[in-house]
All heavy atoms as atom14 arrays in JSON, in Angstrom:
{
  "sequence": "GLYTSLAQIATLYYFAFFLIILPVLGLIETPRRMPNS",
  "atom14_mask": [
    [1, 1, 1, 1, 0, 0, 0, 0, 0, 0, 0, 0, 0, 0],
    [1, 1, 1, 1, 1, 1, 1, 1, 0, 0, 0, 0, 0, 0],
    [1, 1, 1, 1, 1, 1, 1, 1, 1, 1, 1, 1, 0, 0],
    [1, 1, 1, 1, 1, 1, 1, 0, 0, 0, 0, 0, 0, 0],
    [1, 1, 1, 1, 1, 1, 0, 0, 0, 0, 0, 0, 0, 0],
    [1, 1, 1, 1, 1, 1, 1, 1, 0, 0, 0, 0, 0, 0],
    [1, 1, 1, 1, 1, 0, 0, 0, 0, 0, 0, 0, 0, 0],
    [1, 1, 1, 1, 1, 1, 1, 1, 1, 0, 0, 0, 0, 0],
    [1, 1, 1, 1, 1, 1, 1, 1, 0, 0, 0, 0, 0, 0],
    [1, 1, 1, 1, 1, 0, 0, 0, 0, 0, 0, 0, 0, 0],
    [1, 1, 1, 1, 1, 1, 1, 0, 0, 0, 0, 0, 0, 0],
    [1, 1, 1, 1, 1, 1, 1, 1, 0, 0, 0, 0, 0, 0],
    [1, 1, 1, 1, 1, 1, 1, 1, 1, 1, 1, 1, 0, 0],
    [1, 1, 1, 1, 1, 1, 1, 1, 1, 1, 1, 1, 0, 0],
    [1, 1, 1, 1, 1, 1, 1, 1, 1, 1, 1, 0, 0, 0],
    [1, 1, 1, 1, 1, 0, 0, 0, 0, 0, 0, 0, 0, 0],
    [1, 1, 1, 1, 1, 1, 1, 1, 1, 1, 1, 0, 0, 0],
    [1, 1, 1, 1, 1, 1, 1, 1, 1, 1, 1, 0, 0, 0],
    [1, 1, 1, 1, 1, 1, 1, 1, 0, 0, 0, 0, 0, 0],
    [1, 1, 1, 1, 1, 1, 1, 1, 0, 0, 0, 0, 0, 0],
    [1, 1, 1, 1, 1, 1, 1, 1, 0, 0, 0, 0, 0, 0],
    [1, 1, 1, 1, 1, 1, 1, 1, 0, 0, 0, 0, 0, 0],
    [1, 1, 1, 1, 1, 1, 1, 0, 0, 0, 0, 0, 0, 0],
    [1, 1, 1, 1, 1, 1, 1, 0, 0, 0, 0, 0, 0, 0],
    [1, 1, 1, 1, 1, 1, 1, 1, 0, 0, 0, 0, 0, 0],
    [1, 1, 1, 1, 0, 0, 0, 0, 0, 0, 0, 0, 0, 0],
    [1, 1, 1, 1, 1, 1, 1, 1, 0, 0, 0, 0, 0, 0],
    [1, 1, 1, 1, 1, 1, 1, 1, 0, 0, 0, 0, 0, 0],
    [1, 1, 1, 1, 1, 1, 1, 1, 1, 0, 0, 0, 0, 0],
    [1, 1, 1, 1, 1, 1, 1, 0, 0, 0, 0, 0, 0, 0],
    [1, 1, 1, 1, 1, 1, 1, 0, 0, 0, 0, 0, 0, 0],
    [1, 1, 1, 1, 1, 1, 1, 1, 1, 1, 1, 0, 0, 0],
    [1, 1, 1, 1, 1, 1, 1, 1, 1, 1, 1, 0, 0, 0],
    [1, 1, 1, 1, 1, 1, 1, 1, 0, 0, 0, 0, 0, 0],
    [1, 1, 1, 1, 1, 1, 1, 0, 0, 0, 0, 0, 0, 0],
    [1, 1, 1, 1, 1, 1, 1, 1, 0, 0, 0, 0, 0, 0],
    [1, 1, 1, 1, 1, 1, 0, 0, 0, 0, 0, 0, 0, 0]
  ],
  "atom14_positions": [
    [[-4.16, 18.45, -18.65], [-5.35, 17.63, -18.86], [-5.38, 16.34, -18.05], [-5.12, 16.32, -16.85], [0.0, 0.0, 0.0], [0.0, 0.0, 0.0], [0.0, 0.0, 0.0], [0.0, 0.0, 0.0], [0.0, 0.0, 0.0], [0.0, 0.0, 0.0], [0.0, 0.0, 0.0], [0.0, 0.0, 0.0], [0.0, 0.0, 0.0], [0.0, 0.0, 0.0]],
    [[-5.7, 15.25, -18.75], [-5.86, 13.95, -18.11], [-4.57, 13.46, -17.47], [-4.6, 12.79, -16.43], [-6.36, 12.93, -19.14], [-6.63, 11.5, -18.62], [-7.73, 11.51, -17.55], [-7.0, 10.56, -19.77], [0.0, 0.0, 0.0], [0.0, 0.0, 0.0], [0.0, 0.0, 0.0], [0.0, 0.0, 0.0], [0.0, 0.0, 0.0], [0.0, 0.0, 0.0]],
    [[-3.43, 13.79, -18.06], [-2.15, 13.34, -17.52], [-1.94, 13.86, -16.09], [-1.45, 13.13, -15.22], [-0.99, 13.81, -18.4], [-1.0, 13.21, -19.78], [-0.97, 14.02, -20.92], [-1.05, 11.83, -19.97], [-0.96, 13.48, -22.19], [-1.04, 11.27, -21.25], [-1.01, 12.1, -22.35], [-1.01, 11.55, -23.62], [0.0, 0.0, 0.0], [0.0, 0.0, 0.0]],
    [[-2.32, 15.1, -15.85], [-2.18, 15.67, -14.5], [-3.09, 14.95, -13.51], [-2.67, 14.62, -12.39], [-2.49, 17.17, -14.53], [-1.6, 17.83, -15.42], [-2.35, 17.78, -13.14], [0.0, 0.0, 0.0], [0.0, 0.0, 0.0], [0.0, 0.0, 0.0], [0.0, 0.0, 0.0], [0.0, 0.0, 0.0], [0.0, 0.0, 0.0], [0.0, 0.0, 0.0]],
    [[-4.33, 14.69, -13.91], [-5.27, 14.0, -13.02], [-4.78, 12.59, -12.68], [-4.84, 12.15, -11.53], [-6.66, 13.93, -13.67], [-7.14, 15.23, -13.95], [0.0, 0.0, 0.0], [0.0, 0.0, 0.0], [0.0, 0.0, 0.0], [0.0, 0.0, 0.0], [0.0, 0.0, 0.0], [0.0, 0.0, 0.0], [0.0, 0.0, 0.0], [0.0, 0.0, 0.0]],
    [[-4.29, 11.88, -13.69], [-3.77, 10.53, -13.45], [-2.53, 10.56, -12.56], [-2.34, 9.69, -11.71], [-3.44, 9.86, -14.79], [-4.62, 9.52, -15.69], [-4.15, 9.02, -17.05], [-5.52, 8.46, -15.03], [0.0, 0.0, 0.0], [0.0, 0.0, 0.0], [0.0, 0.0, 0.0], [0.0, 0.0, 0.0], [0.0, 0.0, 0.0], [0.0, 0.0, 0.0]],
    [[-1.68, 11.57, -12.76], [-0.49, 11.71, -11.92], [-0.87, 11.96, -10.47], [-0.21, 11.45, -9.55], [0.39, 12.84, -12.44], [0.0, 0.0, 0.0], [0.0, 0.0, 0.0], [0.0, 0.0, 0.0], [0.0, 0.0, 0.0], [0.0, 0.0, 0.0], [0.0, 0.0, 0.0], [0.0, 0.0, 0.0], [0.0, 0.0, 0.0], [0.0, 0.0, 0.0]],
    [[-1.92, 12.73, -10.24], [-2.39, 12.98, -8.87], [-2.89, 11.7, -8.21], [-2.6, 11.43, -7.04], [-3.47, 14.05, -8.89], [-2.95, 15.44, -9.25], [-4.04, 16.46, -9.52], [-5.21, 16.08, -9.68], [-3.68, 17.73, -9.61], [0.0, 0.0, 0.0], [0.0, 0.0, 0.0], [0.0, 0.0, 0.0], [0.0, 0.0, 0.0], [0.0, 0.0, 0.0]],
    [[-3.62, 10.88, -8.97], [-4.13, 9.61, -8.43], [-2.96, 8.66, -8.12], [-2.91, 8.03, -7.06], [-5.11, 8.96, -9.42], [-6.35, 9.84, -9.59], [-5.51, 7.56, -8.96], [-7.26, 9.41, -10.73], [0.0, 0.0, 0.0], [0.0, 0.0, 0.0], [0.0, 0.0, 0.0], [0.0, 0.0, 0.0], [0.0, 0.0, 0.0], [0.0, 0.0, 0.0]],
    [[-2.01, 8.56, -9.06], [-0.85, 7.68, -8.87], [0.01, 8.15, -7.7], [0.53, 7.33, -6.94], [-0.02, 7.63, -10.16], [0.0, 0.0, 0.0], [0.0, 0.0, 0.0], [0.0, 0.0, 0.0], [0.0, 0.0, 0.0], [0.0, 0.0, 0.0], [0.0, 0.0, 0.0], [0.0, 0.0, 0.0], [0.0, 0.0, 0.0], [0.0, 0.0, 0.0]],
    [[0.17, 9.47, -7.54], [0.92, 10.01, -6.41], [0.23, 9.69, -5.09], [0.88, 9.35, -4.1], [1.09, 11.53, -6.56], [1.76, 11.82, -7.79], [1.86, 12.12, -5.4], [0.0, 0.0, 0.0], [0.0, 0.0, 0.0], [0.0, 0.0, 0.0], [0.0, 0.0, 0.0], [0.0, 0.0, 0.0], [0.0, 0.0, 0.0], [0.0, 0.0, 0.0]],
    [[-1.09, 9.79, -5.09], [-1.86, 9.47, -3.89], [-1.64, 8.02, -3.46], [-1.45, 7.74, -2.28], [-3.35, 9.73, -4.15], [-4.3, 9.53, -2.95], [-3.96, 10.51, -1.84], [-5.75, 9.68, -3.39], [0.0, 0.0, 0.0], [0.0, 0.0, 0.0], [0.0, 0.0, 0.0], [0.0, 0.0, 0.0], [0.0, 0.0, 0.0], [0.0, 0.0, 0.0]],
    [[-1.64, 7.09, -4.42], [-1.42, 5.69, -4.07], [0.01, 5.49, -3.57], [0.24, 4.72, -2.63], [-1.68, 4.76, -5.26], [-1.48, 3.3, -4.87], [-2.48, 2.6, -4.23], [-0.26, 2.66, -5.1], [-2.29, 1.28, -3.83], [-0.07, 1.35, -4.71], [-1.08, 0.66, -4.08], [-0.88, -0.64, -3.67], [0.0, 0.0, 0.0], [0.0, 0.0, 0.0]],
    [[0.99, 6.16, -4.18], [2.39, 6.04, -3.75], [2.52, 6.36, -2.26], [3.1, 5.6, -1.49], [3.27, 6.96, -4.58], [4.75, 6.88, -4.24], [5.6, 6.1, -5.0], [5.28, 7.6, -3.18], [6.96, 6.02, -4.72], [6.63, 7.52, -2.87], [7.46, 6.74, -3.64], [8.81, 6.67, -3.33], [0.0, 0.0, 0.0], [0.0, 0.0, 0.0]],
    [[1.95, 7.48, -1.85], [2.05, 7.87, -0.45], [1.16, 7.0, 0.44], [1.55, 6.7, 1.58], [1.68, 9.35, -0.29], [2.8, 10.28, -0.65], [3.04, 10.64, -1.96], [3.64, 10.78, 0.33], [4.09, 11.49, -2.29], [4.69, 11.63, 0.01], [4.92, 11.98, -1.31], [0.0, 0.0, 0.0], [0.0, 0.0, 0.0], [0.0, 0.0, 0.0]],
    [[0.0, 6.59, -0.06], [-0.89, 5.73, 0.72], [-0.24, 4.38, 1.01], [-0.44, 3.8, 2.07], [-2.22, 5.53, -0.02], [0.0, 0.0, 0.0], [0.0, 0.0, 0.0], [0.0, 0.0, 0.0], [0.0, 0.0, 0.0], [0.0, 0.0, 0.0], [0.0, 0.0, 0.0], [0.0, 0.0, 0.0], [0.0, 0.0, 0.0], [0.0, 0.0, 0.0]],
    [[0.58, 3.89, 0.06], [1.24, 2.61, 0.25], [2.13, 2.65, 1.49], [2.14, 1.72, 2.3], [2.06, 2.25, -0.98], [2.86, 0.98, -0.83], [2.25, -0.26, -1.0], [4.22, 1.01, -0.54], [2.98, -1.43, -0.86], [4.95, -0.15, -0.4], [4.33, -1.37, -0.56], [0.0, 0.0, 0.0], [0.0, 0.0, 0.0], [0.0, 0.0, 0.0]],
    [[2.88, 3.72, 1.66], [3.8, 3.83, 2.79], [3.09, 4.25, 4.07], [3.38, 3.69, 5.14], [4.9, 4.85, 2.47], [5.9, 4.37, 1.45], [5.8, 4.77, 0.12], [6.93, 3.52, 1.8], [6.71, 4.34, -0.83], [7.84, 3.08, 0.85], [7.73, 3.49, -0.46], [0.0, 0.0, 0.0], [0.0, 0.0, 0.0], [0.0, 0.0, 0.0]],
    [[2.19, 5.23, 3.97], [1.63, 5.85, 5.18], [0.37, 5.16, 5.7], [0.03, 5.3, 6.88], [1.32, 7.32, 4.9], [2.53, 8.19, 4.52], [2.1, 9.59, 4.16], [3.55, 8.22, 5.66], [0.0, 0.0, 0.0], [0.0, 0.0, 0.0], [0.0, 0.0, 0.0], [0.0, 0.0, 0.0], [0.0, 0.0, 0.0], [0.0, 0.0, 0.0]],
    [[-0.33, 4.41, 4.85], [-1.57, 3.76, 5.28], [-1.49, 2.24, 5.16], [-1.71, 1.5, 6.14], [-2.77, 4.29, 4.47], [-2.94, 5.79, 4.68], [-4.06, 3.55, 4.87], [-4.01, 6.43, 3.81], [0.0, 0.0, 0.0], [0.0, 0.0, 0.0], [0.0, 0.0, 0.0], [0.0, 0.0, 0.0], [0.0, 0.0, 0.0], [0.0, 0.0, 0.0]],
    [[-1.16, 1.76, 3.96], [-1.2, 0.32, 3.7], [-0.19, -0.43, 4.55], [-0.53, -1.43, 5.21], [-0.98, 0.04, 2.21], [-2.15, 0.6, 1.39], [-0.82, -1.46, 1.94], [-1.96, 0.54, -0.11], [0.0, 0.0, 0.0], [0.0, 0.0, 0.0], [0.0, 0.0, 0.0], [0.0, 0.0, 0.0], [0.0, 0.0, 0.0], [0.0, 0.0, 0.0]],
    [[1.07, 0.01, 4.57], [2.09, -0.7, 5.35], [1.76, -0.76, 6.84], [1.81, -1.85, 7.43], [3.46, -0.04, 5.14], [4.21, -0.4, 3.85], [5.56, 0.31, 3.81], [4.42, -1.89, 3.73], [0.0, 0.0, 0.0], [0.0, 0.0, 0.0], [0.0, 0.0, 0.0], [0.0, 0.0, 0.0], [0.0, 0.0, 0.0], [0.0, 0.0, 0.0]],
    [[1.41, 0.35, 7.5], [1.1, 0.26, 8.94], [-0.15, -0.56, 9.23], [-0.16, -1.35, 10.19], [0.91, 1.72, 9.36], [1.55, 2.53, 8.28], [1.39, 1.75, 7.03], [0.0, 0.0, 0.0], [0.0, 0.0, 0.0], [0.0, 0.0, 0.0], [0.0, 0.0, 0.0], [0.0, 0.0, 0.0], [0.0, 0.0, 0.0], [0.0, 0.0, 0.0]],
    [[-1.2, -0.41, 8.41], [-2.47, -1.08, 8.69], [-2.39, -2.57, 8.39], [-2.87, -3.41, 9.16], [-3.62, -0.42, 7.89], [-4.91, -1.22, 8.05], [-3.82, 1.02, 8.35], [0.0, 0.0, 0.0], [0.0, 0.0, 0.0], [0.0, 0.0, 0.0], [0.0, 0.0, 0.0], [0.0, 0.0, 0.0], [0.0, 0.0, 0.0], [0.0, 0.0, 0.0]],
    [[-1.78, -2.93, 7.26], [-1.68, -4.35, 6.9], [-0.98, -5.17, 7.97], [-1.36, -6.31, 8.25], [-0.93, -4.51, 5.58], [-1.75, -4.51, 4.29], [-0.86, -4.86, 3.11], [-2.91, -5.49, 4.37], [0.0, 0.0, 0.0], [0.0, 0.0, 0.0], [0.0, 0.0, 0.0], [0.0, 0.0, 0.0], [0.0, 0.0, 0.0], [0.0, 0.0, 0.0]],
    [[0.06, -4.6, 8.55], [0.8, -5.32, 9.59], [-0.06, -5.68, 10.78], [0.24, -6.63, 11.51], [0.0, 0.0, 0.0], [0.0, 0.0, 0.0], [0.0, 0.0, 0.0], [0.0, 0.0, 0.0], [0.0, 0.0, 0.0], [0.0, 0.0, 0.0], [0.0, 0.0, 0.0], [0.0, 0.0, 0.0], [0.0, 0.0, 0.0], [0.0, 0.0, 0.0]],
    [[-1.15, -4.93, 11.0], [-2.02, -5.16, 12.14], [-3.18, -6.1, 11.83], [-3.64, -6.83, 12.7], [-2.57, -3.82, 12.65], [-1.52, -2.78, 13.09], [-2.18, -1.47, 13.43], [-0.7, -3.3, 14.27], [0.0, 0.0, 0.0], [0.0, 0.0, 0.0], [0.0, 0.0, 0.0], [0.0, 0.0, 0.0], [0.0, 0.0, 0.0], [0.0, 0.0, 0.0]],
    [[-3.66, -6.09, 10.58], [-4.87, -6.85, 10.26], [-4.63, -8.07, 9.38], [-5.49, -8.95, 9.3], [-5.91, -5.93, 9.59], [-5.42, -5.45, 8.21], [-6.25, -4.75, 10.49], [-6.47, -4.69, 7.43], [0.0, 0.0, 0.0], [0.0, 0.0, 0.0], [0.0, 0.0, 0.0], [0.0, 0.0, 0.0], [0.0, 0.0, 0.0], [0.0, 0.0, 0.0]],
    [[-3.48, -8.15, 8.71], [-3.23, -9.24, 7.78], [-2.93, -10.54, 8.52], [-2.2, -10.55, 9.51], [-2.07, -8.89, 6.86], [-1.81, -9.91, 5.75], [-0.65, -9.53, 4.86], [0.3, -8.9, 5.37], [-0.69, -9.84, 3.65], [0.0, 0.0, 0.0], [0.0, 0.0, 0.0], [0.0, 0.0, 0.0], [0.0, 0.0, 0.0], [0.0, 0.0, 0.0]],
    [[-3.48, -11.64, 8.0], [-3.17, -12.97, 8.52], [-2.19, -13.66, 7.58], [-2.56, -14.05, 6.47], [-4.45, -13.82, 8.64], [-5.39, -13.15, 9.49], [-4.12, -15.19, 9.23], [0.0, 0.0, 0.0], [0.0, 0.0, 0.0], [0.0, 0.0, 0.0], [0.0, 0.0, 0.0], [0.0, 0.0, 0.0], [0.0, 0.0, 0.0], [0.0, 0.0, 0.0]],
    [[-0.94, -13.82, 8.0], [0.04, -14.41, 7.1], [-0.15, -15.91, 6.94], [-0.81, -16.56, 7.76], [1.38, -14.09, 7.78], [1.04, -13.95, 9.23], [-0.35, -13.41, 9.29], [0.0, 0.0, 0.0], [0.0, 0.0, 0.0], [0.0, 0.0, 0.0], [0.0, 0.0, 0.0], [0.0, 0.0, 0.0], [0.0, 0.0, 0.0], [0.0, 0.0, 0.0]],
    [[0.42, -16.46, 5.88], [0.41, -17.9, 5.67], [1.36, -18.57, 6.67], [2.24, -17.93, 7.24], [0.84, -18.22, 4.24], [-0.16, -17.81, 3.18], [0.48, -17.92, 1.79], [1.09, -19.23, 1.6], [2.04, -19.48, 0.72], [2.48, -18.51, -0.06], [2.55, -20.69, 0.6], [0.0, 0.0, 0.0], [0.0, 0.0, 0.0], [0.0, 0.0, 0.0]],
    [[1.17, -19.89, 6.86], [2.03, -20.62, 7.76], [3.46, -20.62, 7.23], [3.71, -20.9, 6.06], [1.56, -22.07, 7.92], [2.27, -22.83, 9.07], [1.98, -24.3, 9.04], [2.75, -24.97, 8.02], [4.03, -25.36, 8.15], [4.69, -25.13, 9.21], [4.63, -25.98, 7.18], [0.0, 0.0, 0.0], [0.0, 0.0, 0.0], [0.0, 0.0, 0.0]],
    [[4.41, -20.31, 8.1], [5.81, -20.24, 7.71], [6.55, -21.51, 8.13], [6.22, -22.1, 9.16], [6.47, -19.02, 8.35], [5.88, -17.69, 7.9], [6.62, -16.28, 8.76], [8.32, -16.41, 8.2], [0.0, 0.0, 0.0], [0.0, 0.0, 0.0], [0.0, 0.0, 0.0], [0.0, 0.0, 0.0], [0.0, 0.0, 0.0], [0.0, 0.0, 0.0]],
    [[7.54, -21.93, 7.38], [8.35, -23.09, 7.79], [9.18, -22.74, 9.02], [9.4, -21.57, 9.34], [9.24, -23.36, 6.57], [9.28, -22.06, 5.84], [7.97, -21.39, 6.07], [0.0, 0.0, 0.0], [0.0, 0.0, 0.0], [0.0, 0.0, 0.0], [0.0, 0.0, 0.0], [0.0, 0.0, 0.0], [0.0, 0.0, 0.0], [0.0, 0.0, 0.0]],
    [[9.65, -23.75, 9.7], [10.43, -23.54, 10.92], [11.87, -23.11, 10.62], [12.52, -22.52, 11.48], [10.44, -24.81, 11.77], [9.05, -25.15, 12.28], [8.31, -24.28, 12.76], [8.67, -26.43, 12.18], [0.0, 0.0, 0.0], [0.0, 0.0, 0.0], [0.0, 0.0, 0.0], [0.0, 0.0, 0.0], [0.0, 0.0, 0.0], [0.0, 0.0, 0.0]],
    [[12.35, -23.43, 9.44], [13.73, -23.09, 9.1], [13.88, -22.99, 7.59], [12.99, -23.4, 6.83], [14.7, -24.14, 9.65], [14.49, -25.38, 8.99], [0.0, 0.0, 0.0], [0.0, 0.0, 0.0], [0.0, 0.0, 0.0], [0.0, 0.0, 0.0], [0.0, 0.0, 0.0], [0.0, 0.0, 0.0], [0.0, 0.0, 0.0], [0.0, 0.0, 0.0]]
  ]
}
């Protein structure tokens, strides 16, 4: 039932985090100013 559907959505986000979010964020994200040391 619903548990399977929710598991599919959660699994999709798990893989999307590694395969989509990590590569894309590194290209488009503007980081905050970092200290020199």
